[in-house]
Amino acid sequence: MTFPEKLDQSTRDAGSPLLVGLDPDPARMPLHLIDRHPVVNDLVTAFCHEVIDATRDHACGYKLNLAFFEALGRQAFSVFADVVNAIPQNRLVVADAKRGDIGNTAEKYRDAFFGQFGVDAVTLSPFMGLDTMASFLEDDRYGVFALTLTSNPGSADLMEQKLEDGKTMSVHLAESFRRMQKTVPGTLGMVVGATKAGKLRPVLEANPEAPLLIPGIGAQGGSIDELALALQTHHGPALIPISRDIIYAGTGLSWKEDVAGRAEWYKERLKGLMS
């Protein structure tokens, strides 16, 4: 199955473009889970399994933030692999890694995420050049979401700066990705922030069919209505990752039910963003 086929199938099966973000922070986990799992790696694994079980009917997939797993130390990738394996086969798995490096180093990152861990897509930084993404795009079963106009305020330092031709760096990136997509079998999408909804139109017009990964809804304060307006003329599919506002929806014994309820609420709110 190609990446676009799995993306389409998973969103239609879930009835929503919601990706649940797994950013497991032990300091924020429910006390009853902490008491039950005194070893932090076991705690993180159990927490993620419970989130997946609570949200699998409401989400088209999961976005795993590598930083939260790497912070676990020596067993980090064992925990990461365990969590990936717990995700249903008919759901997307996106590794939020933001890698970006040259040649054989990039190939090893590709082999790790697509070969060893079996994720469907990975986030990459394009700022060392388009060649750093090429090895990830050699197989149509996999996808890349490249940083284009991110949700953090600091994206204005680089991504919103104008180049000599008057276009912003983000527009230049979008145009470059559109050209690159024509030469590779893998899927090249863009990471754009919901908090920048008012600035998205020229970026999306530069790459009108690209799949989008759009963080910023939820804890970051992005508006679903403003995002819907920005996406009106975009022809590619959109995935909406939401992390903290779902996985930390409660802290007591009803935490799992609170997580499920919050995911269902977002599922209904985000239905209108399906292409």
C-alpha atoms as a PDB file:
ATOM      1  CA  MET A   1       0.000   0.000   0.000  1.00  0.00           C
ATOM      2  CA  THR A   2       1.363   3.415  -0.901  1.00  0.00           C
ATOM      3  CA  PHE A   3       1.580   6.158   1.695  1.00  0.00           C
ATOM      4  CA  PRO A   4      -1.203   8.234   0.062  1.00  0.00           C
ATOM      5  CA  GLU A   5      -3.435   5.149   0.026  1.00  0.00           C
ATOM      6  CA  LYS A   6      -2.839   4.441   3.706  1.00  0.00           C
ATOM      7  CA  LEU A   7      -3.361   8.101   4.604  1.00  0.00           C
ATOM      8  CA  ASP A   8      -6.676   8.141   2.744  1.00  0.00           C
ATOM      9  CA  GLN A   9      -7.811   4.802   4.150  1.00  0.00           C
ATOM     10  CA  SER A  10      -6.935   5.622   7.750  1.00  0.00           C
ATOM     11  CA  THR A  11      -8.617   9.038   7.746  1.00  0.00           C
ATOM     12  CA  ARG A  12     -11.770   7.643   6.172  1.00  0.00           C
ATOM     13  CA  ASP A  13     -11.842   4.700   8.563  1.00  0.00           C
ATOM     14  CA  ALA A  14     -11.476   7.016  11.563  1.00  0.00           C
ATOM     15  CA  GLY A  15     -13.774   9.650  10.087  1.00  0.00           C
ATOM     16  CA  SER A  16     -11.313  12.355  11.054  1.00  0.00           C
ATOM     17  CA  PRO A  17      -7.833  13.734  10.272  1.00  0.00           C
ATOM     18  CA  LEU A  18      -6.925  13.636  13.984  1.00  0.00           C
ATOM     19  CA  LEU A  19      -3.460  12.342  14.865  1.00  0.00           C
ATOM     20  CA  VAL A  20      -2.985  11.799  18.576  1.00  0.00           C
ATOM     21  CA  GLY A  21       0.426  13.056  19.608  1.00  0.00           C
ATOM     22  CA  LEU A  22       2.389  10.875  21.991  1.00  0.00           C
ATOM     23  CA  ASP A  23       4.598  13.216  24.050  1.00  0.00           C
ATOM     24  CA  PRO A  24       4.959  11.080  27.186  1.00  0.00           C
ATOM     25  CA  ASP A  25       6.169  13.196  30.104  1.00  0.00           C
ATOM     26  CA  PRO A  26       6.347  11.113  33.310  1.00  0.00           C
ATOM     27  CA  ALA A  27       5.927  14.239  35.445  1.00  0.00           C
ATOM     28  CA  ARG A  28       2.423  14.759  34.044  1.00  0.00           C
ATOM     29  CA  MET A  29       1.119  11.209  34.192  1.00  0.00           C
ATOM     30  CA  PRO A  30      -1.759  10.076  36.441  1.00  0.00           C
ATOM     31  CA  LEU A  31      -0.725   9.075  39.953  1.00  0.00           C
ATOM     32  CA  HIS A  32      -2.393   5.667  39.762  1.00  0.00           C
ATOM     33  CA  LEU A  33      -0.228   4.801  36.755  1.00  0.00           C
ATOM     34  CA  ILE A  34       2.897   6.097  38.487  1.00  0.00           C
ATOM     35  CA  ASP A  35       2.126   3.951  41.559  1.00  0.00           C
ATOM     36  CA  ARG A  36       1.539   0.897  39.389  1.00  0.00           C
ATOM     37  CA  HIS A  37       4.718   1.335  37.323  1.00  0.00           C
ATOM     38  CA  PRO A  38       7.636   2.594  39.468  1.00  0.00           C
ATOM     39  CA  VAL A  39      10.178   2.022  36.664  1.00  0.00           C
ATOM     40  CA  VAL A  40       9.972   5.042  34.359  1.00  0.00           C
ATOM     41  CA  ASN A  41      10.355   3.119  31.098  1.00  0.00           C
ATOM     42  CA  ASP A  42       7.528   0.789  32.103  1.00  0.00           C
ATOM     43  CA  LEU A  43       5.457   3.820  33.079  1.00  0.00           C
ATOM     44  CA  VAL A  44       5.933   5.507  29.701  1.00  0.00           C
ATOM     45  CA  THR A  45       5.148   2.290  27.844  1.00  0.00           C
ATOM     46  CA  ALA A  46       1.981   1.684  29.853  1.00  0.00           C
ATOM     47  CA  PHE A  47       0.879   5.311  29.502  1.00  0.00           C
ATOM     48  CA  CYS A  48       1.235   5.226  25.711  1.00  0.00           C
ATOM     49  CA  HIS A  49      -0.545   1.874  25.457  1.00  0.00           C
ATOM     50  CA  GLU A  50      -3.463   3.245  27.458  1.00  0.00           C
ATOM     51  CA  VAL A  51      -3.657   6.371  25.278  1.00  0.00           C
ATOM     52  CA  ILE A  52      -3.661   4.264  22.116  1.00  0.00           C
ATOM     53  CA  ASP A  53      -6.379   1.996  23.497  1.00  0.00           C
ATOM     54  CA  ALA A  54      -8.502   4.986  24.538  1.00  0.00           C
ATOM     55  CA  THR A  55      -8.222   6.844  21.227  1.00  0.00           C
ATOM     56  CA  ARG A  56      -7.915   4.206  18.501  1.00  0.00           C
ATOM     57  CA  ASP A  57     -11.540   4.670  17.389  1.00  0.00           C
ATOM     58  CA  HIS A  58     -11.205   8.451  17.129  1.00  0.00           C
ATOM     59  CA  ALA A  59      -7.780   8.975  15.529  1.00  0.00           C
ATOM     60  CA  CYS A  60      -6.462   8.166  12.075  1.00  0.00           C
ATOM     61  CA  GLY A  61      -3.002   7.671  13.557  1.00  0.00           C
ATOM     62  CA  TYR A  62      -0.350   8.712  16.028  1.00  0.00           C
ATOM     63  CA  LYS A  63       2.565  11.144  15.995  1.00  0.00           C
ATOM     64  CA  LEU A  64       5.382  10.068  18.296  1.00  0.00           C
ATOM     65  CA  ASN A  65       7.681  12.855  19.479  1.00  0.00           C
ATOM     66  CA  LEU A  66      11.168  11.339  19.530  1.00  0.00           C
ATOM     67  CA  ALA A  67      12.496  13.779  22.142  1.00  0.00           C
ATOM     68  CA  PHE A  68      10.215  12.373  24.828  1.00  0.00           C
ATOM     69  CA  PHE A  69      11.459   8.857  24.136  1.00  0.00           C
ATOM     70  CA  GLU A  70      15.139   9.775  23.765  1.00  0.00           C
ATOM     71  CA  ALA A  71      14.995  11.433  27.197  1.00  0.00           C
ATOM     72  CA  LEU A  72      14.498   7.972  28.694  1.00  0.00           C
ATOM     73  CA  GLY A  73      18.137   7.094  28.084  1.00  0.00           C
ATOM     74  CA  ARG A  74      19.586   3.709  27.205  1.00  0.00           C
ATOM     75  CA  GLN A  75      16.273   1.917  26.674  1.00  0.00           C
ATOM     76  CA  ALA A  76      14.693   4.770  24.738  1.00  0.00           C
ATOM     77  CA  PHE A  77      14.424   3.048  21.386  1.00  0.00           C
ATOM     78  CA  SER A  78      13.182  -0.178  22.934  1.00  0.00           C
ATOM     79  CA  VAL A  79      10.292   1.765  24.459  1.00  0.00           C
ATOM     80  CA  PHE A  80       9.725   3.608  21.177  1.00  0.00           C
ATOM     81  CA  ALA A  81       9.585   0.328  19.232  1.00  0.00           C
ATOM     82  CA  ASP A  82       7.184  -1.186  21.760  1.00  0.00           C
ATOM     83  CA  VAL A  83       4.816   1.769  21.432  1.00  0.00           C
ATOM     84  CA  VAL A  84       4.973   1.731  17.624  1.00  0.00           C
ATOM     85  CA  ASN A  85       4.105  -1.973  17.656  1.00  0.00           C
ATOM     86  CA  ALA A  86       1.054  -1.276  19.833  1.00  0.00           C
ATOM     87  CA  ILE A  87      -0.506   0.986  17.200  1.00  0.00           C
ATOM     88  CA  PRO A  88      -3.102  -0.764  15.006  1.00  0.00           C
ATOM     89  CA  GLN A  89      -1.895  -1.646  11.519  1.00  0.00           C
ATOM     90  CA  ASN A  90      -4.697   0.372   9.928  1.00  0.00           C
ATOM     91  CA  ARG A  91      -3.532   3.584  11.581  1.00  0.00           C
ATOM     92  CA  LEU A  92      -0.764   5.951  10.476  1.00  0.00           C
ATOM     93  CA  VAL A  93       2.450   6.187  12.465  1.00  0.00           C
ATOM     94  CA  VAL A  94       4.425   9.424  12.140  1.00  0.00           C
ATOM     95  CA  ALA A  95       7.833   9.744  13.790  1.00  0.00           C
ATOM     96  CA  ASP A  96       8.259  13.385  14.768  1.00  0.00           C
ATOM     97  CA  ALA A  97      12.047  13.340  14.586  1.00  0.00           C
ATOM     98  CA  LYS A  98      12.934  16.516  12.661  1.00  0.00           C
ATOM     99  CA  ARG A  99      16.109  14.890  11.374  1.00  0.00           C
ATOM    100  CA  GLY A 100      18.253  16.470   8.659  1.00  0.00           C
ATOM    101  CA  ASP A 101      21.685  15.313   7.563  1.00  0.00           C
ATOM    102  CA  ILE A 102      23.741  14.419   4.519  1.00  0.00           C
ATOM    103  CA  GLY A 103      24.424  11.245   2.521  1.00  0.00           C
ATOM    104  CA  ASN A 104      25.002   8.016   4.383  1.00  0.00           C
ATOM    105  CA  THR A 105      23.892   9.566   7.689  1.00  0.00           C
ATOM    106  CA  ALA A 106      20.471  10.343   6.213  1.00  0.00           C
ATOM    107  CA  GLU A 107      20.297   6.810   4.840  1.00  0.00           C
ATOM    108  CA  LYS A 108      20.858   5.396   8.321  1.00  0.00           C
ATOM    109  CA  TYR A 109      18.076   7.570   9.726  1.00  0.00           C
ATOM    110  CA  ARG A 110      15.836   6.261   6.937  1.00  0.00           C
ATOM    111  CA  ASP A 111      16.800   2.655   7.661  1.00  0.00           C
ATOM    112  CA  ALA A 112      16.078   3.167  11.350  1.00  0.00           C
ATOM    113  CA  PHE A 113      12.628   4.689  10.990  1.00  0.00           C
ATOM    114  CA  PHE A 114      11.290   2.877   7.942  1.00  0.00           C
ATOM    115  CA  GLY A 115      13.264  -0.365   8.179  1.00  0.00           C
ATOM    116  CA  GLN A 116      13.736  -1.076  11.879  1.00  0.00           C
ATOM    117  CA  PHE A 117      10.800   0.718  13.498  1.00  0.00           C
ATOM    118  CA  GLY A 118       8.306   0.456  10.642  1.00  0.00           C
ATOM    119  CA  VAL A 119       6.791   3.924  10.816  1.00  0.00           C
ATOM    120  CA  ASP A 120       4.873   5.324   7.852  1.00  0.00           C
ATOM    121  CA  ALA A 121       6.292   8.842   7.802  1.00  0.00           C
ATOM    122  CA  VAL A 122       8.896  11.029   9.441  1.00  0.00           C
ATOM    123  CA  THR A 123       9.329  14.766   9.945  1.00  0.00           C
ATOM    124  CA  LEU A 124      12.525  16.232   8.494  1.00  0.00           C
ATOM    125  CA  SER A 125      14.310  19.570   8.485  1.00  0.00           C
ATOM    126  CA  PRO A 126      15.166  20.673   4.929  1.00  0.00           C
ATOM    127  CA  PHE A 127      17.636  23.383   5.884  1.00  0.00           C
ATOM    128  CA  MET A 128      20.765  21.427   4.944  1.00  0.00           C
ATOM    129  CA  GLY A 129      19.345  21.009   1.443  1.00  0.00           C
ATOM    130  CA  LEU A 130      16.842  18.913  -0.478  1.00  0.00           C
ATOM    131  CA  ASP A 131      19.434  16.175  -0.994  1.00  0.00           C
ATOM    132  CA  THR A 132      19.194  15.360   2.720  1.00  0.00           C
ATOM    133  CA  MET A 133      15.610  14.151   2.169  1.00  0.00           C
ATOM    134  CA  ALA A 134      16.175  12.177  -1.034  1.00  0.00           C
ATOM    135  CA  SER A 135      16.863   8.778   0.532  1.00  0.00           C
ATOM    136  CA  PHE A 136      13.611   8.969   2.526  1.00  0.00           C
ATOM    137  CA  LEU A 137      11.644   9.400  -0.702  1.00  0.00           C
ATOM    138  CA  GLU A 138      12.825   6.366  -2.652  1.00  0.00           C
ATOM    139  CA  ASP A 139       9.854   4.151  -1.740  1.00  0.00           C
ATOM    140  CA  ASP A 140       6.187   4.975  -2.331  1.00  0.00           C
ATOM    141  CA  ARG A 141       5.164   3.238   0.888  1.00  0.00           C
ATOM    142  CA  TYR A 142       6.599   6.050   2.986  1.00  0.00           C
ATOM    143  CA  GLY A 143       6.171   9.757   3.503  1.00  0.00           C
ATOM    144  CA  VAL A 144       8.107  12.788   4.661  1.00  0.00           C
ATOM    145  CA  PHE A 145       6.718  15.941   6.227  1.00  0.00           C
ATOM    146  CA  ALA A 146       9.291  18.711   5.817  1.00  0.00           C
ATOM    147  CA  LEU A 147       9.352  21.768   8.069  1.00  0.00           C
ATOM    148  CA  THR A 148       7.910  24.642   6.032  1.00  0.00           C
ATOM    149  CA  LEU A 149       6.126  27.195   8.254  1.00  0.00           C
ATOM    150  CA  THR A 150       6.139  25.911  11.792  1.00  0.00           C
ATOM    151  CA  SER A 151       3.817  26.854  14.642  1.00  0.00           C
ATOM    152  CA  ASN A 152       6.399  28.336  17.025  1.00  0.00           C
ATOM    153  CA  PRO A 153       6.921  32.128  17.206  1.00  0.00           C
ATOM    154  CA  GLY A 154      10.596  31.723  16.298  1.00  0.00           C
ATOM    155  CA  SER A 155       9.709  30.484  12.821  1.00  0.00           C
ATOM    156  CA  ALA A 156       9.561  34.180  11.929  1.00  0.00           C
ATOM    157  CA  ASP A 157      13.349  34.345  12.350  1.00  0.00           C
ATOM    158  CA  LEU A 158      13.923  32.273   9.208  1.00  0.00           C
ATOM    159  CA  MET A 159      10.802  30.878   7.580  1.00  0.00           C
ATOM    160  CA  GLU A 160       8.984  34.186   7.246  1.00  0.00           C
ATOM    161  CA  GLN A 161      11.998  36.143   6.036  1.00  0.00           C
ATOM    162  CA  LYS A 162      11.807  37.462   2.473  1.00  0.00           C
ATOM    163  CA  LEU A 163      14.383  36.463  -0.118  1.00  0.00           C
ATOM    164  CA  GLU A 164      15.675  38.591  -2.990  1.00  0.00           C
ATOM    165  CA  ASP A 165      12.687  37.713  -5.190  1.00  0.00           C
ATOM    166  CA  GLY A 166      10.269  38.985  -2.530  1.00  0.00           C
ATOM    167  CA  LYS A 167       8.997  35.531  -1.598  1.00  0.00           C
ATOM    168  CA  THR A 168       9.348  34.226   1.923  1.00  0.00           C
ATOM    169  CA  MET A 169      11.576  31.296   2.764  1.00  0.00           C
ATOM    170  CA  SER A 170       8.424  29.249   3.419  1.00  0.00           C
ATOM    171  CA  VAL A 171       7.078  29.904  -0.070  1.00  0.00           C
ATOM    172  CA  HIS A 172      10.478  29.074  -1.560  1.00  0.00           C
ATOM    173  CA  LEU A 173      10.510  25.794   0.367  1.00  0.00           C
ATOM    174  CA  ALA A 174       6.981  24.928  -0.760  1.00  0.00           C
ATOM    175  CA  GLU A 175       7.879  25.566  -4.394  1.00  0.00           C
ATOM    176  CA  SER A 176      11.022  23.454  -4.046  1.00  0.00           C
ATOM    177  CA  PHE A 177       9.080  20.583  -2.494  1.00  0.00           C
ATOM    178  CA  ARG A 178       6.539  20.695  -5.304  1.00  0.00           C
ATOM    179  CA  ARG A 179       9.298  20.343  -7.889  1.00  0.00           C
ATOM    180  CA  MET A 180      11.018  17.588  -5.933  1.00  0.00           C
ATOM    181  CA  GLN A 181       7.795  15.596  -5.564  1.00  0.00           C
ATOM    182  CA  LYS A 182       7.649  15.184  -9.343  1.00  0.00           C
ATOM    183  CA  THR A 183      10.981  13.335  -9.303  1.00  0.00           C
ATOM    184  CA  VAL A 184      10.527  10.872  -6.413  1.00  0.00           C
ATOM    185  CA  PRO A 185       8.154   7.961  -5.665  1.00  0.00           C
ATOM    186  CA  GLY A 186       7.780   8.752  -1.954  1.00  0.00           C
ATOM    187  CA  THR A 187       5.357  11.350  -0.638  1.00  0.00           C
ATOM    188  CA  LEU A 188       6.738  14.772   0.289  1.00  0.00           C
ATOM    189  CA  GLY A 189       4.401  16.742   2.527  1.00  0.00           C
ATOM    190  CA  MET A 190       4.777  19.938   4.521  1.00  0.00           C
ATOM    191  CA  VAL A 191       4.651  20.854   8.213  1.00  0.00           C
ATOM    192  CA  VAL A 192       2.722  24.098   8.592  1.00  0.00           C
ATOM    193  CA  GLY A 193       1.422  25.585  11.831  1.00  0.00           C
ATOM    194  CA  ALA A 194      -2.214  26.190  12.681  1.00  0.00           C
ATOM    195  CA  THR A 195      -1.034  29.179  14.703  1.00  0.00           C
ATOM    196  CA  LYS A 196       0.099  30.723  11.401  1.00  0.00           C
ATOM    197  CA  ALA A 197      -3.242  30.187   9.646  1.00  0.00           C
ATOM    198  CA  GLY A 198      -3.387  33.799   8.471  1.00  0.00           C
ATOM    199  CA  LYS A 199      -0.033  33.422   6.710  1.00  0.00           C
ATOM    200  CA  LEU A 200      -0.584  30.033   5.091  1.00  0.00           C
ATOM    201  CA  ARG A 201      -2.333  31.007   1.865  1.00  0.00           C
ATOM    202  CA  PRO A 202       0.776  31.847  -0.254  1.00  0.00           C
ATOM    203  CA  VAL A 203       2.601  28.776   1.071  1.00  0.00           C
ATOM    204  CA  LEU A 204      -0.273  26.466   0.192  1.00  0.00           C
ATOM    205  CA  GLU A 205      -0.739  28.084  -3.203  1.00  0.00           C
ATOM    206  CA  ALA A 206       2.912  27.296  -3.950  1.00  0.00           C
ATOM    207  CA  ASN A 207       2.297  23.573  -3.354  1.00  0.00           C
ATOM    208  CA  PRO A 208      -1.454  23.070  -3.648  1.00  0.00           C
ATOM    209  CA  GLU A 209      -1.636  19.271  -3.557  1.00  0.00           C
ATOM    210  CA  ALA A 210       0.902  18.521  -0.830  1.00  0.00           C
ATOM    211  CA  PRO A 211      -0.185  16.515   2.199  1.00  0.00           C
ATOM    212  CA  LEU A 212      -0.009  18.660   5.315  1.00  0.00           C
ATOM    213  CA  LEU A 213       0.913  17.972   8.913  1.00  0.00           C
ATOM    214  CA  ILE A 214      -0.564  20.851  10.892  1.00  0.00           C
ATOM    215  CA  PRO A 215       0.382  21.167  14.576  1.00  0.00           C
ATOM    216  CA  GLY A 216      -0.768  24.067  16.725  1.00  0.00           C
ATOM    217  CA  ILE A 217      -4.374  23.167  17.584  1.00  0.00           C
ATOM    218  CA  GLY A 218      -4.969  22.543  21.276  1.00  0.00           C
ATOM    219  CA  ALA A 219      -2.372  23.627  23.831  1.00  0.00           C
ATOM    220  CA  GLN A 220      -0.687  26.006  21.357  1.00  0.00           C
ATOM    221  CA  GLY A 221      -3.935  27.890  20.803  1.00  0.00           C
ATOM    222  CA  GLY A 222      -4.477  27.547  17.056  1.00  0.00           C
ATOM    223  CA  SER A 223      -8.021  28.108  15.778  1.00  0.00           C
ATOM    224  CA  ILE A 224      -9.836  25.325  13.923  1.00  0.00           C
ATOM    225  CA  ASP A 225     -12.095  27.871  12.213  1.00  0.00           C
ATOM    226  CA  GLU A 226      -9.175  29.990  10.999  1.00  0.00           C
ATOM    227  CA  LEU A 227      -7.390  26.877   9.786  1.00  0.00           C
ATOM    228  CA  ALA A 228     -10.474  25.728   7.886  1.00  0.00           C
ATOM    229  CA  LEU A 229     -10.560  29.083   6.117  1.00  0.00           C
ATOM    230  CA  ALA A 230      -6.883  28.809   5.159  1.00  0.00           C
ATOM    231  CA  LEU A 231      -7.405  25.297   3.768  1.00  0.00           C
ATOM    232  CA  GLN A 232     -10.415  26.148   1.611  1.00  0.00           C
ATOM    233  CA  THR A 233      -8.473  26.138  -1.663  1.00  0.00           C
ATOM    234  CA  HIS A 234      -5.907  23.473  -0.762  1.00  0.00           C
ATOM    235  CA  HIS A 235      -6.340  20.172  -2.591  1.00  0.00           C
ATOM    236  CA  GLY A 236      -4.075  17.930  -0.511  1.00  0.00           C
ATOM    237  CA  PRO A 237      -5.013  15.996   2.641  1.00  0.00           C
ATOM    238  CA  ALA A 238      -4.376  17.456   6.086  1.00  0.00           C
ATOM    239  CA  LEU A 239      -3.395  15.640   9.271  1.00  0.00           C
ATOM    240  CA  ILE A 240      -3.987  17.440  12.572  1.00  0.00           C
ATOM    241  CA  PRO A 241      -1.794  16.268  15.467  1.00  0.00           C
ATOM    242  CA  ILE A 242      -2.971  17.104  18.968  1.00  0.00           C
ATOM    243  CA  SER A 243      -0.907  15.998  21.924  1.00  0.00           C
ATOM    244  CA  ARG A 244      -1.101  17.602  25.356  1.00  0.00           C
ATOM    245  CA  ASP A 245      -4.747  18.641  25.171  1.00  0.00           C
ATOM    246  CA  ILE A 246      -5.725  15.000  24.676  1.00  0.00           C
ATOM    247  CA  ILE A 247      -3.212  12.820  26.488  1.00  0.00           C
ATOM    248  CA  TYR A 248      -3.278  14.959  29.644  1.00  0.00           C
ATOM    249  CA  ALA A 249      -7.028  15.594  29.573  1.00  0.00           C
ATOM    250  CA  GLY A 250      -7.308  14.301  33.132  1.00  0.00           C
ATOM    251  CA  THR A 251      -5.168  13.144  36.041  1.00  0.00           C
ATOM    252  CA  GLY A 252      -7.452  11.064  38.262  1.00  0.00           C
ATOM    253  CA  LEU A 253      -8.792   7.527  38.070  1.00  0.00           C
ATOM    254  CA  SER A 254     -11.057   8.586  35.190  1.00  0.00           C
ATOM    255  CA  TRP A 255      -8.029   9.737  33.158  1.00  0.00           C
ATOM    256  CA  LYS A 256      -8.423   7.135  30.408  1.00  0.00           C
ATOM    257  CA  GLU A 257     -12.097   7.980  29.947  1.00  0.00           C
ATOM    258  CA  ASP A 258     -11.209  11.687  29.909  1.00  0.00           C
ATOM    259  CA  VAL A 259      -8.617  11.042  27.187  1.00  0.00           C
ATOM    260  CA  ALA A 260     -11.145   9.111  25.108  1.00  0.00           C
ATOM    261  CA  GLY A 261     -13.744  11.835  25.524  1.00  0.00           C
ATOM    262  CA  ARG A 262     -11.343  14.582  24.550  1.00  0.00           C
ATOM    263  CA  ALA A 263     -10.195  12.660  21.479  1.00  0.00           C
ATOM    264  CA  GLU A 264     -13.796  12.101  20.426  1.00  0.00           C
ATOM    265  CA  TRP A 265     -14.508  15.820  20.879  1.00  0.00           C
ATOM    266  CA  TYR A 266     -11.622  16.745  18.597  1.00  0.00           C
ATOM    267  CA  LYS A 267     -12.611  14.066  16.111  1.00  0.00           C
ATOM    268  CA  GLU A 268     -15.986  15.723  15.656  1.00  0.00           C
ATOM    269  CA  ARG A 269     -14.526  19.237  15.516  1.00  0.00           C
ATOM    270  CA  LEU A 270     -11.953  18.285  12.881  1.00  0.00           C
ATOM    271  CA  LYS A 271     -14.218  16.350  10.515  1.00  0.00           C
ATOM    272  CA  GLY A 272     -14.744  19.428   8.378  1.00  0.00           C
ATOM    273  CA  LEU A 273     -11.028  19.543   7.529  1.00  0.00           C
ATOM    274  CA  MET A 274     -11.075  16.233   5.670  1.00  0.00           C
ATOM    275  CA  SER A 275     -10.338  16.608   1.963  1.00  0.00           C
END
